[in-house]
Amino acid sequence: MEDQQKLNELINEINAYNQQGELIRQQIELIQSSIAEVDALSNTLDDLNGEKAIEAFVPVGAGSFIKGELKDTDEIIISIGAGYAIKKDAEGAKAIIAGQRKDLEDSLDKMLANLQQVTDIIATLQGQAQQIQAAAQGGITGY
């Protein structure tokens, strides 16, 4: 009976770590999505480099766009977080974007390390659970 209680505790612990791992995976996906957005912005700024005006589709809501012309592509309003934005030239904006990408990569590295720790813990707990099950089955067949 003591083995069954220990096995149940291990199963509960494994389930908790599985949930934690799933949350970490979701955070990783969000960070990867943010990195892709930052990369897209950087590529767009590279494409606009030196252009005085460029034709583009402008979002107007509900997934709809209107063809328009972007003027003064040398000035960019860029988000710096916490609801604040500043005006920068293309090079200044690229520097901010590079910093944001670095921060995202650092966060991604930490999340991947956390996921690896959780995965290692789950593997250890599963091994312990299998040992208890094997011992219990050995005890039953021994009678």
Protein backbone atom coordinates (compact mmCIF):
# COMPACT_ATOMS: atom_id res chain seq x y z
CA MET A 1 0.00 0.00 0.00
CA GLU A 2 2.89 2.32 0.74
CA ASP A 3 4.23 1.74 -2.79
CA GLN A 4 0.86 2.63 -4.30
CA GLN A 5 0.78 5.90 -2.35
CA LYS A 6 4.31 6.76 -3.48
CA LEU A 7 3.36 5.89 -7.08
CA ASN A 8 0.29 8.15 -6.90
CA GLU A 9 2.42 11.00 -5.54
CA LEU A 10 4.92 10.54 -8.37
CA ILE A 11 2.15 10.52 -10.96
CA ASN A 12 0.71 13.75 -9.52
CA GLU A 13 4.16 15.32 -9.55
CA ILE A 14 4.77 14.20 -13.15
CA ASN A 15 1.42 15.70 -14.20
CA ALA A 16 2.30 19.00 -12.51
CA TYR A 17 5.66 19.13 -14.29
CA ASN A 18 3.98 18.25 -17.60
CA GLN A 19 1.65 21.23 -17.14
CA GLN A 20 4.61 23.46 -16.29
CA GLY A 21 6.42 22.19 -19.40
CA GLU A 22 3.40 23.00 -21.56
CA LEU A 23 3.29 26.57 -20.19
CA ILE A 24 6.99 26.98 -20.94
CA ARG A 25 6.43 25.66 -24.50
CA GLN A 26 3.69 28.27 -24.98
CA GLN A 27 6.03 31.01 -23.76
CA ILE A 28 8.71 29.76 -26.15
CA GLU A 29 6.25 29.96 -29.05
CA LEU A 30 5.34 33.54 -28.11
CA ILE A 31 8.99 34.56 -27.92
CA GLN A 32 9.73 32.90 -31.26
CA SER A 33 6.76 34.76 -32.76
CA SER A 34 8.09 38.05 -31.36
CA ILE A 35 11.53 37.34 -32.83
CA ALA A 36 9.91 36.72 -36.23
CA GLU A 37 8.07 40.05 -35.96
CA VAL A 38 11.27 41.89 -35.06
CA ASP A 39 13.05 40.23 -37.99
CA ALA A 40 10.22 41.21 -40.35
CA LEU A 41 10.44 44.81 -39.13
CA SER A 42 14.19 44.84 -39.63
CA ASN A 43 13.80 43.45 -43.16
CA THR A 44 11.14 46.06 -43.94
CA LEU A 45 13.44 48.84 -42.76
CA ASP A 46 16.20 47.42 -44.98
CA ASP A 47 13.80 47.42 -47.95
CA LEU A 48 12.80 51.03 -47.27
CA ASN A 49 16.40 52.21 -46.98
CA GLY A 50 16.89 55.25 -49.20
CA GLU A 51 13.34 55.26 -50.57
CA LYS A 52 11.59 58.63 -50.33
CA ALA A 53 8.16 57.13 -50.91
CA ILE A 54 6.92 53.60 -51.45
CA GLU A 55 3.61 51.99 -52.31
CA ALA A 56 2.23 49.70 -49.64
CA PHE A 57 -0.95 48.13 -48.29
CA VAL A 58 -2.05 49.91 -45.13
CA PRO A 59 -4.10 47.95 -42.56
CA VAL A 60 -7.48 49.53 -41.84
CA GLY A 61 -8.88 46.88 -39.48
CA ALA A 62 -10.67 43.54 -39.55
CA GLY A 63 -7.94 42.05 -41.74
CA SER A 64 -8.56 44.64 -44.48
CA PHE A 65 -6.01 46.81 -46.29
CA ILE A 66 -6.00 49.86 -48.54
CA LYS A 67 -3.30 50.57 -51.07
CA GLY A 68 -1.41 53.67 -50.05
CA GLU A 69 1.87 55.48 -50.25
CA LEU A 70 4.36 55.72 -47.42
CA LYS A 71 6.13 59.07 -47.36
CA ASP A 72 9.09 60.23 -45.28
CA THR A 73 10.38 56.71 -44.79
CA ASP A 74 13.41 58.18 -43.02
CA GLU A 75 11.39 58.72 -39.85
CA ILE A 76 10.12 55.74 -37.90
CA ILE A 77 7.99 55.71 -34.78
CA ILE A 78 9.20 52.68 -32.84
CA SER A 79 7.82 51.10 -29.70
CA ILE A 80 10.26 50.99 -26.80
CA GLY A 81 7.92 49.10 -24.47
CA ALA A 82 5.48 49.93 -21.68
CA GLY A 83 3.25 51.78 -24.16
CA TYR A 84 5.94 54.29 -25.17
CA ALA A 85 7.22 55.00 -28.65
CA ILE A 86 9.90 57.33 -30.00
CA LYS A 87 10.78 58.80 -33.38
CA LYS A 88 14.03 57.54 -34.88
CA ASP A 89 15.78 57.46 -38.21
CA ALA A 90 16.23 54.08 -39.87
CA GLU A 91 19.64 53.41 -38.30
CA GLY A 92 18.44 54.40 -34.83
CA ALA A 93 15.39 52.17 -35.24
CA LYS A 94 17.59 49.27 -36.36
CA ALA A 95 19.75 49.70 -33.26
CA ILE A 96 16.68 49.54 -31.01
CA ILE A 97 15.36 46.52 -32.92
CA ALA A 98 18.72 44.76 -32.56
CA GLY A 99 18.57 45.34 -28.79
CA GLN A 100 15.01 44.04 -28.63
CA ARG A 101 15.99 40.94 -30.61
CA LYS A 102 18.93 40.30 -28.27
CA ASP A 103 16.61 40.55 -25.24
CA LEU A 104 14.17 38.14 -26.88
CA GLU A 105 16.97 35.69 -27.68
CA ASP A 106 18.15 35.84 -24.06
CA SER A 107 14.60 35.14 -22.86
CA LEU A 108 14.31 32.28 -25.35
CA ASP A 109 17.56 30.75 -24.10
CA LYS A 110 16.31 30.92 -20.51
CA MET A 111 12.97 29.35 -21.43
CA LEU A 112 14.69 26.55 -23.34
CA ALA A 113 16.94 25.89 -20.33
CA ASN A 114 13.87 25.83 -18.05
CA LEU A 115 12.13 23.41 -20.39
CA GLN A 116 15.17 21.14 -20.38
CA GLN A 117 15.22 21.15 -16.56
CA VAL A 118 11.53 20.25 -16.41
CA THR A 119 12.03 17.52 -19.01
CA ASP A 120 14.93 16.08 -17.01
CA ILE A 121 12.87 16.10 -13.80
CA ILE A 122 9.98 14.35 -15.57
CA ALA A 123 12.34 11.66 -16.89
CA THR A 124 13.74 11.07 -13.39
CA LEU A 125 10.27 10.86 -11.85
CA GLN A 126 9.05 8.51 -14.56
CA GLY A 127 12.04 6.26 -13.89
CA GLN A 128 11.18 6.17 -10.20
CA ALA A 129 7.54 5.41 -11.01
CA GLN A 130 8.57 2.56 -13.30
CA GLN A 131 10.81 1.11 -10.58
CA ILE A 132 7.93 1.15 -8.09
CA GLN A 133 5.60 -0.48 -10.62
CA ALA A 134 8.17 -3.15 -11.45
CA ALA A 135 8.76 -3.86 -7.76
CA ALA A 136 5.00 -4.07 -7.14
CA GLN A 137 4.50 -6.44 -10.05
CA GLY A 138 7.42 -8.55 -8.89
CA GLY A 139 5.85 -8.78 -5.44
CA ILE A 140 2.50 -9.85 -6.86
CA THR A 141 3.94 -12.53 -9.10
CA GLY A 142 6.09 -13.84 -6.26
CA TYR A 143 3.13 -15.19 -4.28
